[in-house]
Amino acid sequence: MHIKRIDPANMKGLAGQYIQELDTFLRHTDGVFRPNIPVFDRLVFTSSTASGDHIPQIGYVGNRSYIKEVMEGQYGGDFASAIRNQDPKFDTVVAGGFARAAQGDRVFELVELEVTPPGALSNVPVSYYRLIDRLWLGTPNPVLVNLTLPTSAQFHEHQFLLDKAHLWPN
């Protein structure tokens, strides 16, 4: 697993565009929630109590979020469990970004790894961008807002697997 800090200007495709839109909004509003927050249906809110040992408690998962798709197994089997089973340090490694965001750093990362989903014979590359930052909802303590989106490479790999599954029986 590789996690690299990345400038949002270097994030490519629609994922990069969405992350740049959210970044601009957060900078413009000083991280204060407003009803016109971009890509709200793709966001995940977590607790700002982030130790770096585990992913913080999730409070809201957008209906169109990548996290929801992964958690519901839309990327084949129980992808999240497959990742955790193959790399017991996954939570700790990924949780580091949440801990930095909880301390006030705006986190922009490219995460790349390979997993073997349940029932698969070969590894599947996984790559996604993420933005994690504090968001003030009008309470004394902020939440962490997380926008995680597959990179263009991940999107094309997913489309290939869907096409392959469709063509194989025919």
N, C-alpha and C. Protein backbone atom coordinates (compact mmCIF):
# COMPACT_ATOMS: atom_id res chain seq x y z
N MET A 1 0.85 -1.17 0.00
CA MET A 1 0.00 0.00 0.00
C MET A 1 0.89 1.23 0.00
N HIS A 2 0.53 2.17 -0.84
CA HIS A 2 1.25 3.44 -0.91
C HIS A 2 0.26 4.57 -0.69
N ILE A 3 0.59 5.48 0.20
CA ILE A 3 -0.21 6.68 0.39
C ILE A 3 0.73 7.85 0.19
N LYS A 4 0.39 8.69 -0.80
CA LYS A 4 1.23 9.82 -1.14
C LYS A 4 0.43 11.11 -0.99
N ARG A 5 1.05 12.09 -0.41
CA ARG A 5 0.44 13.41 -0.40
C ARG A 5 0.50 13.94 -1.82
N ILE A 6 -0.57 14.63 -2.22
CA ILE A 6 -0.65 15.09 -3.60
C ILE A 6 -1.33 16.46 -3.63
N ASP A 7 -0.84 17.32 -4.46
CA ASP A 7 -1.46 18.62 -4.66
C ASP A 7 -2.78 18.39 -5.40
N PRO A 8 -3.88 18.99 -4.93
CA PRO A 8 -5.16 18.76 -5.62
C PRO A 8 -5.14 19.18 -7.09
N ALA A 9 -4.27 20.11 -7.45
CA ALA A 9 -4.16 20.52 -8.86
C ALA A 9 -3.64 19.37 -9.72
N ASN A 10 -2.98 18.38 -9.10
CA ASN A 10 -2.45 17.24 -9.84
C ASN A 10 -3.38 16.04 -9.83
N MET A 11 -4.54 16.18 -9.21
CA MET A 11 -5.53 15.10 -9.22
C MET A 11 -6.28 15.17 -10.54
N LYS A 12 -6.30 14.08 -11.25
CA LYS A 12 -6.84 14.08 -12.60
C LYS A 12 -8.30 13.65 -12.65
N GLY A 13 -8.94 13.98 -13.77
CA GLY A 13 -10.28 13.50 -14.05
C GLY A 13 -11.36 14.16 -13.20
N LEU A 14 -12.52 13.54 -13.24
CA LEU A 14 -13.68 14.05 -12.50
C LEU A 14 -13.43 14.02 -11.00
N ALA A 15 -12.71 13.01 -10.52
CA ALA A 15 -12.39 12.93 -9.09
C ALA A 15 -11.60 14.16 -8.67
N GLY A 16 -10.59 14.52 -9.45
CA GLY A 16 -9.80 15.70 -9.16
C GLY A 16 -10.64 16.97 -9.18
N GLN A 17 -11.55 17.05 -10.13
CA GLN A 17 -12.42 18.22 -10.23
C GLN A 17 -13.30 18.35 -8.99
N TYR A 18 -13.90 17.24 -8.56
CA TYR A 18 -14.76 17.27 -7.36
C TYR A 18 -13.98 17.65 -6.11
N ILE A 19 -12.79 17.11 -5.98
CA ILE A 19 -11.98 17.42 -4.80
C ILE A 19 -11.55 18.88 -4.82
N GLN A 20 -11.20 19.41 -5.98
CA GLN A 20 -10.84 20.82 -6.08
C GLN A 20 -12.03 21.72 -5.76
N GLU A 21 -13.24 21.33 -6.19
CA GLU A 21 -14.45 22.11 -5.87
C GLU A 21 -14.69 22.15 -4.37
N LEU A 22 -14.55 21.00 -3.71
CA LEU A 22 -14.75 20.97 -2.26
C LEU A 22 -13.66 21.76 -1.56
N ASP A 23 -12.43 21.64 -2.00
CA ASP A 23 -11.33 22.40 -1.42
C ASP A 23 -11.59 23.90 -1.53
N THR A 24 -12.03 24.35 -2.69
CA THR A 24 -12.33 25.78 -2.88
C THR A 24 -13.44 26.22 -1.94
N PHE A 25 -14.47 25.41 -1.80
CA PHE A 25 -15.58 25.73 -0.90
C PHE A 25 -15.07 25.84 0.54
N LEU A 26 -14.28 24.86 0.99
CA LEU A 26 -13.80 24.88 2.37
C LEU A 26 -12.91 26.08 2.64
N ARG A 27 -12.10 26.45 1.66
CA ARG A 27 -11.25 27.63 1.83
C ARG A 27 -12.09 28.91 1.88
N HIS A 28 -13.09 28.98 1.02
CA HIS A 28 -13.94 30.16 0.94
C HIS A 28 -14.80 30.35 2.19
N THR A 29 -15.24 29.26 2.79
CA THR A 29 -16.14 29.33 3.96
C THR A 29 -15.41 29.14 5.28
N ASP A 30 -14.09 29.03 5.25
CA ASP A 30 -13.29 28.72 6.43
C ASP A 30 -13.75 27.43 7.10
N GLY A 31 -14.22 26.47 6.29
CA GLY A 31 -14.60 25.17 6.81
C GLY A 31 -15.94 25.13 7.52
N VAL A 32 -16.76 26.16 7.32
CA VAL A 32 -18.08 26.20 7.94
C VAL A 32 -19.10 25.60 6.98
N PHE A 33 -19.91 24.68 7.48
CA PHE A 33 -20.92 24.03 6.66
C PHE A 33 -21.93 25.04 6.15
N ARG A 34 -22.27 24.93 4.89
CA ARG A 34 -23.32 25.74 4.26
C ARG A 34 -24.17 24.81 3.42
N PRO A 35 -25.44 25.16 3.20
CA PRO A 35 -26.32 24.27 2.42
C PRO A 35 -25.85 24.02 0.99
N ASN A 36 -25.03 24.90 0.45
CA ASN A 36 -24.58 24.73 -0.94
C ASN A 36 -23.24 24.00 -1.04
N ILE A 37 -22.90 23.21 -0.04
CA ILE A 37 -21.63 22.47 -0.07
C ILE A 37 -21.63 21.56 -1.30
N PRO A 38 -20.57 21.61 -2.09
CA PRO A 38 -20.54 20.78 -3.31
C PRO A 38 -20.42 19.29 -2.98
N VAL A 39 -20.89 18.48 -3.87
CA VAL A 39 -20.85 17.01 -3.84
C VAL A 39 -21.26 16.43 -2.49
N PHE A 40 -22.27 17.03 -1.86
CA PHE A 40 -22.71 16.58 -0.54
C PHE A 40 -23.06 15.10 -0.54
N ASP A 41 -23.67 14.62 -1.62
CA ASP A 41 -24.09 13.22 -1.67
C ASP A 41 -22.92 12.24 -1.82
N ARG A 42 -21.71 12.76 -1.98
CA ARG A 42 -20.52 11.91 -2.09
C ARG A 42 -19.63 12.00 -0.84
N LEU A 43 -20.04 12.80 0.14
CA LEU A 43 -19.22 13.05 1.32
C LEU A 43 -19.47 12.02 2.42
N VAL A 44 -18.50 11.90 3.29
CA VAL A 44 -18.60 11.10 4.51
C VAL A 44 -18.16 11.99 5.66
N PHE A 45 -18.97 12.04 6.72
CA PHE A 45 -18.60 12.78 7.92
C PHE A 45 -18.21 11.78 8.99
N THR A 46 -17.09 12.04 9.64
CA THR A 46 -16.65 11.19 10.75
C THR A 46 -16.41 12.05 11.98
N SER A 47 -16.25 11.38 13.08
CA SER A 47 -15.89 12.06 14.32
C SER A 47 -14.53 12.71 14.15
N SER A 48 -14.34 13.84 14.82
CA SER A 48 -13.03 14.49 14.77
C SER A 48 -12.11 13.94 15.86
N THR A 49 -12.61 12.98 16.64
CA THR A 49 -11.77 12.29 17.61
C THR A 49 -11.04 11.19 16.85
N ALA A 50 -9.84 11.52 16.42
CA ALA A 50 -9.08 10.61 15.56
C ALA A 50 -7.70 10.40 16.16
N SER A 51 -7.47 9.18 16.61
CA SER A 51 -6.20 8.86 17.26
C SER A 51 -5.12 8.46 16.27
N GLY A 52 -5.53 8.02 15.09
CA GLY A 52 -4.58 7.51 14.12
C GLY A 52 -4.44 6.00 14.19
N ASP A 53 -5.12 5.37 15.16
CA ASP A 53 -5.08 3.91 15.28
C ASP A 53 -6.16 3.23 14.46
N HIS A 54 -7.32 3.90 14.35
CA HIS A 54 -8.46 3.35 13.62
C HIS A 54 -9.16 4.48 12.90
N ILE A 55 -9.89 4.13 11.85
CA ILE A 55 -10.71 5.12 11.15
C ILE A 55 -11.76 5.60 12.14
N PRO A 56 -11.97 6.92 12.28
CA PRO A 56 -12.92 7.43 13.27
C PRO A 56 -14.36 6.97 12.99
N GLN A 57 -15.18 7.09 14.01
CA GLN A 57 -16.59 6.70 13.90
C GLN A 57 -17.26 7.51 12.80
N ILE A 58 -17.98 6.81 11.92
CA ILE A 58 -18.66 7.43 10.80
C ILE A 58 -20.05 7.89 11.25
N GLY A 59 -20.38 9.14 10.92
CA GLY A 59 -21.68 9.68 11.29
C GLY A 59 -22.63 9.82 10.11
N TYR A 60 -22.10 10.15 8.95
CA TYR A 60 -22.93 10.34 7.75
C TYR A 60 -22.17 9.77 6.56
N VAL A 61 -22.89 9.04 5.72
CA VAL A 61 -22.33 8.51 4.48
C VAL A 61 -23.24 8.93 3.34
N GLY A 62 -22.73 9.72 2.42
CA GLY A 62 -23.51 10.18 1.27
C GLY A 62 -23.99 9.02 0.41
N ASN A 63 -25.18 9.17 -0.15
CA ASN A 63 -25.78 8.10 -0.96
C ASN A 63 -24.96 7.72 -2.17
N ARG A 64 -24.17 8.64 -2.71
CA ARG A 64 -23.38 8.35 -3.91
C ARG A 64 -21.88 8.31 -3.60
N SER A 65 -21.54 8.12 -2.34
CA SER A 65 -20.12 8.14 -1.97
C SER A 65 -19.43 6.84 -2.36
N TYR A 66 -18.17 6.96 -2.68
CA TYR A 66 -17.34 5.79 -3.01
C TYR A 66 -17.25 4.87 -1.80
N ILE A 67 -17.17 5.47 -0.62
CA ILE A 67 -17.10 4.68 0.62
C ILE A 67 -18.34 3.81 0.75
N LYS A 68 -19.50 4.36 0.46
CA LYS A 68 -20.74 3.57 0.55
C LYS A 68 -20.71 2.43 -0.46
N GLU A 69 -20.26 2.70 -1.67
CA GLU A 69 -20.18 1.65 -2.69
C GLU A 69 -19.26 0.52 -2.25
N VAL A 70 -18.12 0.88 -1.66
CA VAL A 70 -17.19 -0.14 -1.19
C VAL A 70 -17.78 -0.91 -0.02
N MET A 71 -18.38 -0.18 0.95
CA MET A 71 -18.95 -0.82 2.13
C MET A 71 -20.11 -1.74 1.78
N GLU A 72 -20.85 -1.42 0.74
CA GLU A 72 -21.98 -2.24 0.33
C GLU A 72 -21.58 -3.34 -0.63
N GLY A 73 -20.32 -3.41 -0.97
CA GLY A 73 -19.85 -4.49 -1.83
C GLY A 73 -20.13 -4.29 -3.30
N GLN A 74 -20.34 -3.07 -3.76
CA GLN A 74 -20.61 -2.86 -5.17
C GLN A 74 -19.36 -3.04 -6.03
N TYR A 75 -18.22 -3.21 -5.40
CA TYR A 75 -17.01 -3.46 -6.14
C TYR A 75 -16.57 -4.91 -5.98
N GLY A 76 -17.53 -5.81 -5.81
CA GLY A 76 -17.23 -7.23 -5.75
C GLY A 76 -17.05 -7.73 -4.35
N GLY A 77 -17.92 -8.62 -3.92
CA GLY A 77 -17.82 -9.20 -2.59
C GLY A 77 -17.83 -8.14 -1.53
N ASP A 78 -17.25 -8.41 -0.41
CA ASP A 78 -17.10 -7.42 0.65
C ASP A 78 -15.69 -6.87 0.54
N PHE A 79 -15.53 -5.87 -0.33
CA PHE A 79 -14.22 -5.33 -0.68
C PHE A 79 -13.50 -4.78 0.55
N ALA A 80 -14.23 -4.08 1.42
CA ALA A 80 -13.60 -3.50 2.61
C ALA A 80 -13.01 -4.60 3.49
N SER A 81 -13.75 -5.68 3.69
CA SER A 81 -13.23 -6.80 4.49
C SER A 81 -12.06 -7.46 3.80
N ALA A 82 -12.14 -7.58 2.48
CA ALA A 82 -11.04 -8.18 1.73
C ALA A 82 -9.75 -7.38 1.93
N ILE A 83 -9.87 -6.07 1.92
CA ILE A 83 -8.69 -5.22 2.11
C ILE A 83 -8.15 -5.40 3.53
N ARG A 84 -9.04 -5.37 4.52
CA ARG A 84 -8.60 -5.52 5.91
C ARG A 84 -7.97 -6.89 6.17
N ASN A 85 -8.54 -7.94 5.57
CA ASN A 85 -8.00 -9.28 5.78
C ASN A 85 -6.61 -9.44 5.18
N GLN A 86 -6.35 -8.77 4.07
CA GLN A 86 -5.05 -8.90 3.42
C GLN A 86 -3.99 -8.00 4.05
N ASP A 87 -4.44 -6.92 4.64
CA ASP A 87 -3.49 -6.00 5.25
C ASP A 87 -4.02 -5.58 6.61
N PRO A 88 -3.61 -6.27 7.67
CA PRO A 88 -4.13 -5.95 9.00
C PRO A 88 -3.78 -4.53 9.45
N LYS A 89 -2.80 -3.91 8.80
CA LYS A 89 -2.43 -2.54 9.16
C LYS A 89 -3.22 -1.50 8.38
N PHE A 90 -4.17 -1.96 7.55
CA PHE A 90 -4.91 -1.04 6.68
C PHE A 90 -5.55 0.10 7.47
N ASP A 91 -6.31 -0.24 8.53
CA ASP A 91 -6.98 0.80 9.31
C ASP A 91 -5.99 1.81 9.87
N THR A 92 -4.88 1.31 10.42
CA THR A 92 -3.89 2.20 11.02
C THR A 92 -3.26 3.11 9.97
N VAL A 93 -2.91 2.54 8.83
CA VAL A 93 -2.27 3.33 7.78
C VAL A 93 -3.23 4.39 7.25
N VAL A 94 -4.46 4.00 6.97
CA VAL A 94 -5.45 4.93 6.43
C VAL A 94 -5.88 5.95 7.49
N ALA A 95 -5.90 5.55 8.76
CA ALA A 95 -6.35 6.42 9.84
C ALA A 95 -5.41 7.60 10.08
N GLY A 96 -4.17 7.47 9.65
CA GLY A 96 -3.22 8.56 9.86
C GLY A 96 -3.68 9.87 9.25
N GLY A 97 -4.31 9.81 8.08
CA GLY A 97 -4.82 11.03 7.45
C GLY A 97 -5.91 11.70 8.27
N PHE A 98 -6.75 10.89 8.91
CA PHE A 98 -7.80 11.45 9.76
C PHE A 98 -7.21 12.15 10.98
N ALA A 99 -6.16 11.55 11.55
CA ALA A 99 -5.51 12.16 12.72
C ALA A 99 -4.89 13.51 12.35
N ARG A 100 -4.24 13.57 11.19
CA ARG A 100 -3.66 14.85 10.75
C ARG A 100 -4.75 15.90 10.51
N ALA A 101 -5.86 15.48 9.89
CA ALA A 101 -6.96 16.42 9.64
C ALA A 101 -7.57 16.90 10.95
N ALA A 102 -7.69 16.03 11.93
CA ALA A 102 -8.25 16.42 13.22
C ALA A 102 -7.39 17.47 13.91
N GLN A 103 -6.10 17.48 13.60
CA GLN A 103 -5.19 18.47 14.18
C GLN A 103 -5.16 19.77 13.38
N GLY A 104 -5.94 19.83 12.28
CA GLY A 104 -6.04 21.06 11.52
C GLY A 104 -5.38 21.06 10.16
N ASP A 105 -4.75 19.97 9.77
CA ASP A 105 -4.15 19.90 8.43
C ASP A 105 -5.20 19.47 7.42
N ARG A 106 -5.23 20.12 6.28
CA ARG A 106 -6.07 19.65 5.18
C ARG A 106 -5.30 18.57 4.45
N VAL A 107 -5.89 17.38 4.34
CA VAL A 107 -5.19 16.21 3.82
C VAL A 107 -5.64 15.93 2.39
N PHE A 108 -4.67 15.88 1.48
CA PHE A 108 -4.89 15.48 0.09
C PHE A 108 -3.97 14.30 -0.17
N GLU A 109 -4.54 13.15 -0.52
CA GLU A 109 -3.71 11.97 -0.70
C GLU A 109 -4.16 11.14 -1.90
N LEU A 110 -3.18 10.42 -2.43
CA LEU A 110 -3.43 9.38 -3.42
C LEU A 110 -3.10 8.07 -2.73
N VAL A 111 -4.09 7.17 -2.67
CA VAL A 111 -3.90 5.87 -2.03
C VAL A 111 -3.91 4.81 -3.12
N GLU A 112 -2.88 3.96 -3.13
CA GLU A 112 -2.77 2.90 -4.12
C GLU A 112 -2.44 1.58 -3.41
N LEU A 113 -3.17 0.53 -3.77
CA LEU A 113 -2.92 -0.79 -3.22
C LEU A 113 -3.46 -1.84 -4.17
N GLU A 114 -3.12 -3.09 -3.91
CA GLU A 114 -3.67 -4.20 -4.66
C GLU A 114 -4.32 -5.15 -3.69
N VAL A 115 -5.50 -5.64 -4.05
CA VAL A 115 -6.22 -6.60 -3.21
C VAL A 115 -6.70 -7.74 -4.08
N THR A 116 -6.96 -8.85 -3.44
CA THR A 116 -7.58 -9.99 -4.11
C THR A 116 -8.96 -10.15 -3.50
N PRO A 117 -10.00 -9.68 -4.18
CA PRO A 117 -11.35 -9.78 -3.64
C PRO A 117 -11.75 -11.24 -3.45
N PRO A 118 -12.71 -11.51 -2.54
CA PRO A 118 -13.16 -12.88 -2.33
C PRO A 118 -13.57 -13.53 -3.65
N GLY A 119 -13.04 -14.72 -3.92
CA GLY A 119 -13.38 -15.46 -5.12
C GLY A 119 -12.56 -15.11 -6.34
N ALA A 120 -11.75 -14.07 -6.27
CA ALA A 120 -10.94 -13.67 -7.42
C ALA A 120 -9.65 -14.47 -7.46
N LEU A 121 -9.11 -14.66 -8.65
CA LEU A 121 -7.87 -15.41 -8.81
C LEU A 121 -6.64 -14.52 -8.91
N SER A 122 -6.88 -13.23 -9.13
CA SER A 122 -5.75 -12.32 -9.25
C SER A 122 -6.02 -11.03 -8.50
N ASN A 123 -4.94 -10.28 -8.31
CA ASN A 123 -5.05 -9.00 -7.61
C ASN A 123 -5.77 -7.97 -8.46
N VAL A 124 -6.44 -7.08 -7.78
CA VAL A 124 -7.11 -5.95 -8.44
C VAL A 124 -6.46 -4.67 -7.91
N PRO A 125 -5.94 -3.83 -8.80
CA PRO A 125 -5.38 -2.56 -8.32
C PRO A 125 -6.50 -1.63 -7.85
N VAL A 126 -6.26 -0.97 -6.75
CA VAL A 126 -7.20 0.00 -6.19
C VAL A 126 -6.45 1.31 -6.04
N SER A 127 -7.01 2.37 -6.55
CA SER A 127 -6.40 3.68 -6.38
C SER A 127 -7.49 4.73 -6.22
N TYR A 128 -7.28 5.58 -5.23
CA TYR A 128 -8.27 6.63 -5.01
C TYR A 128 -7.60 7.88 -4.43
N TYR A 129 -8.26 8.99 -4.69
CA TYR A 129 -7.86 10.26 -4.10
C TYR A 129 -8.74 10.49 -2.88
N ARG A 130 -8.21 11.22 -1.92
CA ARG A 130 -9.06 11.61 -0.80
C ARG A 130 -8.67 12.98 -0.27
N LEU A 131 -9.68 13.68 0.18
CA LEU A 131 -9.55 14.95 0.88
C LEU A 131 -10.20 14.76 2.23
N ILE A 132 -9.48 15.09 3.28
CA ILE A 132 -10.03 15.04 4.64
C ILE A 132 -9.73 16.38 5.29
N ASP A 133 -10.76 16.97 5.88
CA ASP A 133 -10.58 18.27 6.53
C ASP A 133 -11.62 18.41 7.63
N ARG A 134 -11.41 19.40 8.48
CA ARG A 134 -12.40 19.69 9.51
C ARG A 134 -13.55 20.48 8.89
N LEU A 135 -14.75 20.23 9.39
CA LEU A 135 -15.94 20.95 8.93
C LEU A 135 -16.74 21.34 10.16
N TRP A 136 -17.07 22.61 10.25
CA TRP A 136 -17.79 23.13 11.41
C TRP A 136 -19.28 23.15 11.10
N LEU A 137 -20.05 22.43 11.90
CA LEU A 137 -21.50 22.33 11.70
C LEU A 137 -22.28 23.24 12.63
N GLY A 138 -21.62 24.13 13.33
CA GLY A 138 -22.30 25.01 14.27
C GLY A 138 -22.24 24.50 15.70
N THR A 139 -21.48 23.46 15.93
CA THR A 139 -21.28 22.91 17.27
C THR A 139 -19.87 23.27 17.72
N PRO A 140 -19.58 23.16 19.01
CA PRO A 140 -18.23 23.52 19.47
C PRO A 140 -17.11 22.71 18.83
N ASN A 141 -17.40 21.45 18.51
CA ASN A 141 -16.37 20.60 17.91
C ASN A 141 -16.71 20.32 16.45
N PRO A 142 -15.69 20.34 15.60
CA PRO A 142 -15.94 20.05 14.18
C PRO A 142 -16.12 18.54 13.96
N VAL A 143 -16.57 18.20 12.79
CA VAL A 143 -16.51 16.82 12.30
C VAL A 143 -15.42 16.81 11.24
N LEU A 144 -15.06 15.62 10.80
CA LEU A 144 -14.14 15.52 9.68
C LEU A 144 -14.96 15.21 8.45
N VAL A 145 -14.72 15.94 7.38
CA VAL A 145 -15.37 15.67 6.11
C VAL A 145 -14.36 14.94 5.24
N ASN A 146 -14.82 13.88 4.60
CA ASN A 146 -13.96 13.02 3.80
C ASN A 146 -14.61 12.86 2.43
N LEU A 147 -13.87 13.24 1.42
CA LEU A 147 -14.30 12.98 0.04
C LEU A 147 -13.27 12.04 -0.56
N THR A 148 -13.68 10.80 -0.77
CA THR A 148 -12.82 9.76 -1.35
C THR A 148 -13.43 9.37 -2.68
N LEU A 149 -12.62 9.43 -3.73
CA LEU A 149 -13.10 9.12 -5.08
C LEU A 149 -12.07 8.28 -5.83
N PRO A 150 -12.54 7.30 -6.60
CA PRO A 150 -11.59 6.50 -7.37
C PRO A 150 -10.88 7.35 -8.42
N THR A 151 -9.62 7.04 -8.64
CA THR A 151 -8.88 7.74 -9.70
C THR A 151 -9.41 7.28 -11.05
N SER A 152 -8.98 7.95 -12.08
CA SER A 152 -9.38 7.55 -13.43
C SER A 152 -8.94 6.12 -13.72
N ALA A 153 -7.74 5.74 -13.26
CA ALA A 153 -7.24 4.37 -13.47
C ALA A 153 -8.16 3.37 -12.78
N GLN A 154 -8.59 3.65 -11.56
CA GLN A 154 -9.48 2.74 -10.83
C GLN A 154 -10.82 2.64 -11.53
N PHE A 155 -11.34 3.76 -12.01
CA PHE A 155 -12.63 3.76 -12.70
C PHE A 155 -12.58 2.87 -13.93
N HIS A 156 -11.51 3.00 -14.73
CA HIS A 156 -11.39 2.21 -15.95
C HIS A 156 -11.22 0.72 -15.63
N GLU A 157 -10.48 0.41 -14.56
CA GLU A 157 -10.32 -0.99 -14.14
C GLU A 157 -11.68 -1.57 -13.74
N HIS A 158 -12.47 -0.79 -13.01
CA HIS A 158 -13.81 -1.23 -12.59
C HIS A 158 -14.69 -1.48 -13.81
N GLN A 159 -14.65 -0.57 -14.78
CA GLN A 159 -15.46 -0.75 -16.00
C GLN A 159 -15.02 -2.00 -16.76
N PHE A 160 -13.71 -2.25 -16.82
CA PHE A 160 -13.20 -3.44 -17.49
C PHE A 160 -13.73 -4.71 -16.81
N LEU A 161 -13.70 -4.73 -15.49
CA LEU A 161 -14.19 -5.91 -14.76
C LEU A 161 -15.68 -6.12 -14.99
N LEU A 162 -16.45 -5.03 -15.03
CA LEU A 162 -17.89 -5.14 -15.30
C LEU A 162 -18.12 -5.68 -16.70
N ASP A 163 -17.38 -5.15 -17.69
CA ASP A 163 -17.52 -5.61 -19.07
C ASP A 163 -17.12 -7.08 -19.19
N LYS A 164 -16.03 -7.45 -18.53
CA LYS A 164 -15.54 -8.82 -18.57
C LYS A 164 -16.60 -9.77 -17.97
N ALA A 165 -17.20 -9.38 -16.85
CA ALA A 165 -18.24 -10.20 -16.22
C ALA A 165 -19.44 -10.33 -17.12
N HIS A 166 -19.77 -9.27 -17.86
CA HIS A 166 -20.91 -9.30 -18.75
C HIS A 166 -20.62 -10.16 -19.99
N LEU A 167 -19.41 -10.03 -20.54
CA LEU A 167 -19.08 -10.75 -21.76
C LEU A 167 -18.77 -12.22 -21.52
N TRP A 168 -18.25 -12.57 -20.35
CA TRP A 168 -17.85 -13.93 -20.07
C TRP A 168 -18.97 -14.95 -20.28
N PRO A 169 -20.20 -14.70 -19.73
CA PRO A 169 -21.26 -15.69 -19.93
C PRO A 169 -21.78 -15.75 -21.36
N ASN A 170 -21.58 -14.71 -22.14
CA ASN A 170 -22.14 -14.66 -23.50
C ASN A 170 -21.30 -15.32 -24.53
